[in-house]
Amino acid sequence: MRNRQELVELFSTFIQLEADRFGRWLSDPRLQKSMSNRLSAIKKASDSEHVWGLYWLQLFNEKKLERAKEHLFAYLQEPCFYAAQKISSHVRNTQYGFSDYFQLGIAEAPEILKSFQMDKGARLKGFAQLAFFTRIRDHLRRHQQADLCTDWALLRKLTRKRVKDVLETAGESPQTIDEYQLAWSCFQALYVTAQVGNKKLPEPDQKQWEAIAHLYNTERLNQLDPSSTVATPDTIRQWMKTCAEEARRYLYPPIMSLNTSRPNQESGEWLDNLVGTEDESLLSEIVAQEEMDEWRSRTSQLMGQLTSLLEQLAESEQTLLDLCYRQNLKQKDMAQQLDIPQYKVSRQLSRVRKKLLKELVIWAEEALHIAVESNLVKDMDSVLEDWLRFHYGAIDSAD
C-alpha cells in the first residue's frame, strides 16, 4: 500500500478495498476542499500532520464541527489498515477476512479518538494503531464467545448489572428493565444453577418455564410496581430470548460504514452531514504550543525513565558505564582496570546498552502509546547514547 504524504490527501482520502486487499485511495471532494481551504486561510499553517491531527481532534472533542470527525477518519486509515493487517497475519481459521478486520477497526474510531489524551505527548497515529489492534482483537474474542454459546449459556455468563446495561443500550424503559432483570434472576435461580456448565446449555423444558414464571409472579408482588406485567411461561421465554439477542448485539455491535444511507431520508449518506464553522485561531495556538509542550513532556518522562532504569542495573553494570562515560576511559584501559579481557568489556557494554534500550522501547509502547518501529528504535538508541554521555558528565549541559 502506498502511504499518503500530502496533508490534503492525508485528511481527505479513504481506502477502497478490492478482493480483500488494498485497492486504491478514494478522495472525498468535500473533505479535500475543506482541508485546502484551511491550509489557505490560516496564516503560517503548519506542515506537520501531527499538528493538524490535533487541530481536528480538538474540534472533534469540542463538538464544534462534524467535519472534524470525517477528517480524522481519513487520517486514521493507515493505522487501522496496519492494525487489521497484523490481526490478519495472526488469526487463522475464522469466518473473517482482512476487509472485515478493517471495518471492525474503523467502526471503533470515535471511541479511540475520545480516549486519546492530547496532554500525554503521544502521537495520534501510533496510539491509534495500538488501539485499533486491541479493539479488533477484543471484538473477535467477544464474538467467538457469543458464537459458541447457546442463548441460555450466554445468559448464564451475564451479571445483573450487565443485563441492565444491555437493556438500557437497547432503549428499554425502566419498568421493562426491572421486569426483565427479575425474570433473568428467576431463570438463574431455578434453571442455570441446576445445570452443569457447558457452552451448549439446552433450553429449559415446559415444566421449567412454568416454575420460572411462577417464581417471577410471586417475587413480582414484592419487588416490582403493582402495575408490572403478570408473566406466562411463554412471556418469560420470550423475554429471555430478547435478553440474549440484545446481549449479542451489545457484545458484538454491527459495523456501520460511513457510506451508509441516512435513516428517514431518500438520499444521502452519513458523510454528507458536513456542516459547521471552524475556529480559525485554534491551529495557530496548537502550532505555537505543540512543539514546546511535546518536547518538555517527552523530555521529562524520558529522563525520569532512564534514571530509573539506570538505578535498577547491577553494581557491576553501573561501574562499567561509569568507567566508559564518566571517566571516559578507552576499552583497553577499562579492561586493565577491571582485570578482564578487552573483548569482554566490549560485549558487556553492548549487553548493558541493549538491556537499557529494550526496557526503553517497552516503556515507550506502554506509557506513551508509541508503536515502535525499526527507525524509531535507531533514534532511541541515539538518544540513549547522548543521554548516557550527558548523565555521566561526558558532555556539557549547554551542548
Protein backbone atom coordinates (compact mmCIF):
# COMPACT_ATOMS: atom_id res chain seq x y z
CA MET A 1 0.00 0.00 0.00
CA ARG A 2 1.27 3.48 -0.86
CA ASN A 3 1.33 5.65 2.24
CA ARG A 4 -0.04 9.14 1.78
CA GLN A 5 2.32 12.11 2.11
CA GLU A 6 0.50 15.37 1.30
CA LEU A 7 -1.61 16.99 4.03
CA VAL A 8 -4.70 17.40 1.85
CA GLU A 9 -4.54 13.74 0.87
CA LEU A 10 -3.97 12.59 4.46
CA PHE A 11 -7.14 14.26 5.69
CA SER A 12 -9.46 13.72 2.73
CA THR A 13 -8.92 10.24 1.26
CA PHE A 14 -10.16 6.79 2.21
CA ILE A 15 -9.04 3.24 1.45
CA GLN A 16 -11.02 1.28 -1.10
CA LEU A 17 -10.54 -2.44 -0.56
CA GLU A 18 -10.71 -4.80 -3.52
CA ALA A 19 -10.73 -8.61 -3.23
CA ASP A 20 -9.96 -8.37 0.48
CA ARG A 21 -6.86 -6.24 -0.02
CA PHE A 22 -5.89 -2.62 -0.60
CA GLY A 23 -7.21 -1.33 -3.90
CA ARG A 24 -6.68 2.43 -4.09
CA TRP A 25 -7.15 5.74 -2.34
CA LEU A 26 -10.51 7.42 -2.88
CA SER A 27 -10.74 11.18 -2.49
CA ASP A 28 -13.74 12.88 -0.87
CA PRO A 29 -14.16 16.21 -2.73
CA ARG A 30 -15.81 17.93 0.22
CA LEU A 31 -13.04 16.99 2.63
CA GLN A 32 -10.43 17.83 0.03
CA LYS A 33 -11.92 21.31 -0.39
CA SER A 34 -12.26 21.74 3.38
CA MET A 35 -8.62 20.86 4.03
CA SER A 36 -7.37 23.01 1.16
CA ASN A 37 -9.38 25.96 2.44
CA ARG A 38 -7.96 25.53 5.94
CA LEU A 39 -4.39 25.47 4.62
CA SER A 40 -5.03 28.62 2.60
CA ALA A 41 -6.98 30.52 5.26
CA ILE A 42 -4.70 30.02 8.27
CA LYS A 43 -1.55 32.10 8.21
CA LYS A 44 1.68 30.24 8.87
CA ALA A 45 -0.18 26.92 8.66
CA SER A 46 1.90 24.04 9.94
CA ASP A 47 3.12 21.32 7.58
CA SER A 48 3.07 18.76 10.43
CA GLU A 49 0.43 16.08 10.05
CA HIS A 50 0.51 15.54 13.83
CA VAL A 51 -0.34 19.20 14.46
CA TRP A 52 -3.24 19.01 12.01
CA GLY A 53 -4.38 15.79 13.63
CA LEU A 54 -4.51 17.59 17.00
CA TYR A 55 -6.29 20.52 15.37
CA TRP A 56 -9.12 18.37 14.03
CA LEU A 57 -9.15 16.30 17.22
CA GLN A 58 -9.69 19.36 19.39
CA LEU A 59 -12.58 20.46 17.18
CA PHE A 60 -13.95 16.91 17.40
CA ASN A 61 -13.68 16.90 21.20
CA GLU A 62 -15.34 20.30 21.48
CA LYS A 63 -18.07 19.20 19.04
CA LYS A 64 -17.59 22.39 17.07
CA LEU A 65 -17.58 20.77 13.65
CA GLU A 66 -18.98 17.49 12.39
CA ARG A 67 -16.47 17.59 9.52
CA ALA A 68 -13.62 17.24 12.03
CA LYS A 69 -14.65 13.62 12.65
CA GLU A 70 -14.56 12.83 8.94
CA HIS A 71 -11.12 14.41 8.54
CA LEU A 72 -9.90 12.27 11.44
CA PHE A 73 -11.46 9.13 9.97
CA ALA A 74 -9.49 9.83 6.80
CA TYR A 75 -6.30 10.43 8.77
CA LEU A 76 -6.63 7.13 10.67
CA GLN A 77 -6.90 4.97 7.55
CA GLU A 78 -3.25 3.83 7.64
CA PRO A 79 -3.07 2.90 11.34
CA CYS A 80 -6.33 0.99 11.01
CA PHE A 81 -5.06 -0.75 7.87
CA TYR A 82 -1.82 -1.86 9.54
CA ALA A 83 -3.64 -3.00 12.69
CA ALA A 84 -6.03 -5.07 10.57
CA GLN A 85 -3.07 -6.44 8.61
CA LYS A 86 -1.39 -7.54 11.84
CA ILE A 87 -4.58 -9.22 13.07
CA SER A 88 -4.98 -10.94 9.71
CA SER A 89 -1.47 -12.38 9.90
CA HIS A 90 -2.00 -13.69 13.45
CA VAL A 91 -5.56 -15.04 13.32
CA ARG A 92 -6.37 -18.21 11.40
CA ASN A 93 -9.49 -20.26 10.64
CA THR A 94 -12.17 -17.63 11.20
CA GLN A 95 -15.05 -16.53 9.04
CA TYR A 96 -13.48 -13.09 8.72
CA GLY A 97 -11.26 -11.62 6.06
CA PHE A 98 -8.93 -8.63 6.09
CA SER A 99 -11.69 -6.25 4.98
CA ASP A 100 -13.81 -7.37 7.95
CA TYR A 101 -10.98 -6.58 10.34
CA PHE A 102 -10.54 -3.16 8.75
CA GLN A 103 -14.25 -2.36 9.06
CA LEU A 104 -14.30 -3.62 12.65
CA GLY A 105 -11.43 -1.29 13.43
CA ILE A 106 -12.68 1.84 11.72
CA ALA A 107 -16.05 1.43 13.43
CA GLU A 108 -14.17 1.91 16.72
CA ALA A 109 -12.56 5.18 15.58
CA PRO A 110 -14.93 7.51 17.50
CA GLU A 111 -14.20 5.76 20.80
CA ILE A 112 -10.47 5.64 20.08
CA LEU A 113 -10.47 9.37 19.38
CA LYS A 114 -12.33 10.06 22.62
CA SER A 115 -9.83 8.00 24.63
CA PHE A 116 -6.74 9.75 23.21
CA GLN A 117 -5.24 12.16 25.75
CA MET A 118 -3.64 15.09 23.99
CA ASP A 119 -1.61 16.12 27.04
CA LYS A 120 0.31 12.82 27.29
CA GLY A 121 2.67 13.64 24.43
CA ALA A 122 1.87 10.52 22.38
CA ARG A 123 1.45 10.61 18.61
CA LEU A 124 -2.14 10.13 17.50
CA LYS A 125 -1.21 7.68 14.74
CA GLY A 126 0.91 5.48 16.99
CA PHE A 127 -1.72 5.46 19.70
CA ALA A 128 -4.47 4.68 17.18
CA GLN A 129 -2.64 1.73 15.63
CA LEU A 130 -2.24 0.04 19.03
CA ALA A 131 -5.82 0.90 19.96
CA PHE A 132 -7.22 -0.45 16.68
CA PHE A 133 -5.31 -3.71 17.14
CA THR A 134 -6.51 -4.14 20.72
CA ARG A 135 -10.13 -3.35 19.94
CA ILE A 136 -10.30 -5.63 16.88
CA ARG A 137 -8.72 -8.46 18.88
CA ASP A 138 -11.10 -7.96 21.82
CA HIS A 139 -14.06 -7.76 19.45
CA LEU A 140 -13.11 -11.11 17.92
CA ARG A 141 -12.78 -12.69 21.36
CA ARG A 142 -16.21 -11.44 22.42
CA HIS A 143 -17.79 -12.60 19.19
CA GLN A 144 -16.19 -16.02 19.43
CA GLN A 145 -17.54 -16.37 22.94
CA ALA A 146 -21.03 -15.29 21.88
CA ASP A 147 -20.93 -17.54 18.81
CA LEU A 148 -20.03 -20.66 20.77
CA CYS A 149 -22.77 -20.22 23.36
CA THR A 150 -26.44 -21.05 23.12
CA ASP A 151 -28.79 -18.26 24.21
CA TRP A 152 -29.16 -19.93 27.58
CA ALA A 153 -25.42 -20.35 28.14
CA LEU A 154 -24.90 -16.72 27.15
CA LEU A 155 -27.50 -15.62 29.70
CA ARG A 156 -25.60 -17.60 32.34
CA LYS A 157 -22.48 -15.52 31.68
CA LEU A 158 -24.26 -12.22 32.27
CA THR A 159 -24.36 -10.40 35.58
CA ARG A 160 -27.33 -8.42 36.85
CA LYS A 161 -25.51 -5.17 36.05
CA ARG A 162 -24.64 -6.37 32.55
CA VAL A 163 -28.30 -7.27 31.93
CA LYS A 164 -29.22 -3.72 32.89
CA ASP A 165 -26.51 -2.26 30.65
CA VAL A 166 -27.66 -4.42 27.74
CA LEU A 167 -31.30 -3.40 28.10
CA GLU A 168 -30.51 0.29 28.59
CA THR A 169 -28.40 0.22 25.44
CA ALA A 170 -31.36 -1.39 23.64
CA GLY A 171 -33.53 1.55 24.74
CA GLU A 172 -35.92 -0.34 27.02
CA SER A 173 -37.98 1.56 29.60
CA PRO A 174 -37.06 1.44 33.33
CA GLN A 175 -40.15 -0.71 34.10
CA THR A 176 -39.32 -3.17 31.33
CA ILE A 177 -35.72 -3.39 32.55
CA ASP A 178 -36.94 -4.17 36.09
CA GLU A 179 -39.24 -6.91 34.76
CA TYR A 180 -36.53 -8.46 32.58
CA GLN A 181 -33.97 -8.33 35.39
CA LEU A 182 -36.33 -10.11 37.77
CA ALA A 183 -37.17 -12.72 35.13
CA TRP A 184 -33.45 -13.24 34.48
CA SER A 185 -32.82 -13.67 38.23
CA CYS A 186 -35.55 -16.34 38.42
CA PHE A 187 -34.10 -18.05 35.35
CA GLN A 188 -30.68 -18.07 37.03
CA ALA A 189 -32.06 -19.37 40.31
CA LEU A 190 -34.23 -22.23 39.03
CA TYR A 191 -32.51 -23.36 35.86
CA VAL A 192 -28.94 -22.18 35.47
CA THR A 193 -27.75 -23.11 38.94
CA ALA A 194 -29.09 -26.63 38.46
CA GLN A 195 -27.09 -27.19 35.24
CA VAL A 196 -23.55 -28.45 34.87
CA GLY A 197 -21.59 -25.78 32.99
CA ASN A 198 -21.12 -26.05 29.27
CA LYS A 199 -21.41 -23.72 26.31
CA LYS A 200 -24.23 -25.71 24.74
CA LEU A 201 -26.64 -25.29 27.63
CA PRO A 202 -30.06 -26.50 26.33
CA GLU A 203 -33.30 -24.59 26.57
CA PRO A 204 -35.45 -25.18 29.67
CA ASP A 205 -38.38 -27.55 29.10
CA GLN A 206 -42.02 -26.53 29.60
CA LYS A 207 -42.15 -27.52 33.28
CA GLN A 208 -39.05 -25.49 34.00
CA TRP A 209 -40.50 -22.43 32.22
CA GLU A 210 -43.65 -22.83 34.31
CA ALA A 211 -41.60 -22.94 37.51
CA ILE A 212 -39.63 -19.85 36.48
CA ALA A 213 -42.83 -17.98 35.64
CA HIS A 214 -44.39 -18.97 38.98
CA LEU A 215 -41.36 -17.69 40.90
CA TYR A 216 -41.37 -14.46 38.88
CA ASN A 217 -45.06 -13.78 39.56
CA THR A 218 -44.53 -14.44 43.28
CA GLU A 219 -41.50 -12.14 43.54
CA ARG A 220 -43.14 -9.53 41.33
CA LEU A 221 -45.55 -8.65 44.15
CA ASN A 222 -42.62 -7.92 46.50
CA GLN A 223 -40.05 -6.40 44.16
CA LEU A 224 -41.90 -4.61 41.34
CA ASP A 225 -44.55 -1.99 40.86
CA PRO A 226 -48.13 -3.35 41.17
CA SER A 227 -48.72 -2.38 37.53
CA SER A 228 -45.92 -4.68 36.35
CA THR A 229 -46.66 -7.48 33.90
CA VAL A 230 -48.06 -10.84 35.05
CA ALA A 231 -45.92 -13.26 33.05
CA THR A 232 -46.80 -16.58 31.48
CA PRO A 233 -44.14 -19.23 30.75
CA ASP A 234 -44.15 -18.11 27.10
CA THR A 235 -43.68 -14.49 28.19
CA ILE A 236 -40.66 -15.38 30.31
CA ARG A 237 -39.18 -17.42 27.47
CA GLN A 238 -39.57 -14.52 25.03
CA TRP A 239 -38.04 -12.08 27.50
CA MET A 240 -35.01 -14.30 27.92
CA LYS A 241 -34.67 -14.68 24.13
CA THR A 242 -34.78 -10.90 23.82
CA CYS A 243 -32.12 -10.51 26.53
CA ALA A 244 -29.86 -12.98 24.74
CA GLU A 245 -30.33 -11.25 21.36
CA GLU A 246 -29.60 -7.83 22.82
CA ALA A 247 -26.60 -9.22 24.70
CA ARG A 248 -25.15 -10.48 21.41
CA ARG A 249 -25.66 -7.05 19.85
CA TYR A 250 -24.09 -5.43 22.88
CA LEU A 251 -21.06 -7.74 22.81
CA TYR A 252 -20.83 -7.74 19.03
CA PRO A 253 -22.09 -4.41 17.69
CA PRO A 254 -22.80 -4.21 13.94
CA ILE A 255 -20.39 -2.45 11.63
CA MET A 256 -21.63 0.83 10.18
CA SER A 257 -19.95 2.23 7.09
CA LEU A 258 -19.64 5.96 6.66
CA ASN A 259 -21.30 5.45 3.30
CA THR A 260 -24.46 4.05 4.89
CA SER A 261 -27.61 5.88 3.84
CA ARG A 262 -29.01 8.20 6.47
CA PRO A 263 -32.24 6.94 8.07
CA ASN A 264 -35.57 8.51 7.11
CA GLN A 265 -34.08 10.21 4.06
CA GLU A 266 -34.49 9.24 0.43
CA SER A 267 -30.91 10.03 -0.48
CA GLY A 268 -27.60 10.95 1.07
CA GLU A 269 -25.03 9.31 3.29
CA TRP A 270 -23.59 9.97 6.72
CA LEU A 271 -20.60 11.62 5.07
CA ASP A 272 -22.95 14.21 3.58
CA ASN A 273 -23.62 15.65 7.02
CA LEU A 274 -20.76 18.16 6.88
CA VAL A 275 -21.85 21.46 8.34
CA GLY A 276 -20.47 23.95 10.85
CA THR A 277 -17.81 26.63 11.23
CA GLU A 278 -14.18 26.26 12.25
CA ASP A 279 -12.28 28.18 14.87
CA GLU A 280 -9.50 29.63 12.69
CA SER A 281 -7.32 30.62 15.63
CA LEU A 282 -7.19 27.10 17.01
CA LEU A 283 -4.48 25.77 14.69
CA SER A 284 -2.25 28.76 15.34
CA GLU A 285 -2.49 28.13 19.08
CA ILE A 286 -1.70 24.45 18.65
CA VAL A 287 1.26 25.19 16.36
CA ALA A 288 2.61 27.70 18.89
CA GLN A 289 2.44 25.27 21.81
CA GLU A 290 2.70 21.79 20.35
CA GLU A 291 6.44 21.54 19.79
CA MET A 292 7.44 23.11 23.11
CA ASP A 293 4.84 21.18 25.12
CA GLU A 294 5.73 17.92 23.46
CA TRP A 295 9.44 18.47 23.94
CA ARG A 296 9.02 19.32 27.62
CA SER A 297 6.65 16.43 28.28
CA ARG A 298 8.65 13.78 26.50
CA THR A 299 11.99 15.00 27.79
CA SER A 300 10.75 14.95 31.37
CA GLN A 301 9.26 11.46 31.03
CA LEU A 302 12.26 10.10 29.15
CA MET A 303 14.84 11.45 31.60
CA GLY A 304 12.89 10.13 34.54
CA GLN A 305 12.57 6.69 32.99
CA LEU A 306 16.24 6.49 32.00
CA THR A 307 17.33 7.48 35.50
CA SER A 308 15.06 4.79 36.95
CA LEU A 309 16.41 2.15 34.56
CA LEU A 310 19.98 3.08 35.42
CA GLU A 311 19.32 2.67 39.14
CA GLN A 312 17.99 -0.84 38.52
CA LEU A 313 21.22 -2.04 36.89
CA ALA A 314 23.56 -4.35 38.77
CA GLU A 315 26.50 -2.68 40.53
CA SER A 316 28.98 -4.19 38.06
CA GLU A 317 26.95 -2.79 35.14
CA GLN A 318 26.84 0.68 36.71
CA THR A 319 30.60 0.53 37.27
CA LEU A 320 31.13 -0.34 33.62
CA LEU A 321 29.07 2.66 32.47
CA ASP A 322 30.86 4.95 34.95
CA LEU A 323 34.26 3.97 33.56
CA CYS A 324 33.09 4.43 29.99
CA TYR A 325 31.11 7.66 30.25
CA ARG A 326 32.21 9.49 33.42
CA GLN A 327 35.92 8.62 33.36
CA ASN A 328 35.88 8.44 29.56
CA LEU A 329 38.32 5.52 29.52
CA LYS A 330 39.15 3.58 26.41
CA GLN A 331 38.15 -0.08 26.36
CA LYS A 332 41.72 -1.30 26.77
CA ASP A 333 42.11 0.87 29.90
CA MET A 334 38.75 -0.34 31.21
CA ALA A 335 39.86 -3.93 30.66
CA GLN A 336 43.07 -3.30 32.55
CA GLN A 337 41.27 -1.70 35.48
CA LEU A 338 38.63 -4.43 35.66
CA ASP A 339 41.24 -7.13 35.06
CA ILE A 340 39.28 -8.77 32.24
CA PRO A 341 39.98 -9.25 28.51
CA GLN A 342 39.15 -6.26 26.29
CA TYR A 343 36.67 -8.26 24.21
CA LYS A 344 34.63 -8.88 27.37
CA VAL A 345 34.46 -5.15 28.02
CA SER A 346 33.05 -4.62 24.53
CA ARG A 347 30.50 -7.42 24.95
CA GLN A 348 29.41 -6.27 28.38
CA LEU A 349 28.98 -2.65 27.27
CA SER A 350 26.93 -3.79 24.29
CA ARG A 351 24.78 -6.02 26.51
CA VAL A 352 24.08 -3.21 29.01
CA ARG A 353 23.12 -0.76 26.26
CA LYS A 354 20.81 -3.33 24.65
CA LYS A 355 19.25 -4.02 28.04
CA LEU A 356 18.55 -0.32 28.61
CA LEU A 357 17.27 0.12 25.05
CA LYS A 358 14.92 -2.87 25.34
CA GLU A 359 13.41 -1.52 28.56
CA LEU A 360 13.12 1.92 26.98
CA VAL A 361 11.24 0.52 23.97
CA ILE A 362 8.82 -1.40 26.21
CA TRP A 363 8.21 1.73 28.28
CA ALA A 364 7.61 3.87 25.18
CA GLU A 365 4.97 1.44 23.90
CA GLU A 366 3.19 1.11 27.24
CA ALA A 367 3.47 4.62 28.68
CA LEU A 368 3.50 6.82 25.56
CA HIS A 369 1.37 4.53 23.34
CA ILE A 370 4.02 4.72 20.62
CA ALA A 371 4.15 1.97 18.00
CA VAL A 372 7.92 1.43 17.97
CA GLU A 373 9.32 0.53 14.56
CA SER A 374 12.92 -0.05 13.44
CA ASN A 375 13.63 3.59 12.56
CA LEU A 376 12.37 4.76 15.93
CA VAL A 377 14.50 2.15 17.71
CA LYS A 378 17.56 3.62 15.97
CA ASP A 379 16.55 7.10 17.10
CA MET A 380 16.05 5.89 20.66
CA ASP A 381 19.46 4.19 20.58
CA SER A 382 21.00 7.52 19.61
CA VAL A 383 19.07 9.33 22.34
CA LEU A 384 20.23 6.74 24.88
CA GLU A 385 23.87 7.21 23.90
CA ASP A 386 23.62 11.00 24.16
CA TRP A 387 21.82 10.77 27.49
CA LEU A 388 24.44 8.45 28.99
CA ARG A 389 27.16 10.88 27.99
CA PHE A 390 25.20 13.78 29.47
CA HIS A 391 24.21 11.90 32.64
CA TYR A 392 27.80 10.96 33.45
CA GLY A 393 29.13 14.41 32.59
CA ALA A 394 30.89 13.49 29.35
CA ILE A 395 29.20 16.44 27.60
CA ASP A 396 28.29 19.84 28.97
CA SER A 397 24.59 20.57 29.57
CA ALA A 398 24.81 23.67 27.39
CA ASP A 399 25.51 21.46 24.38
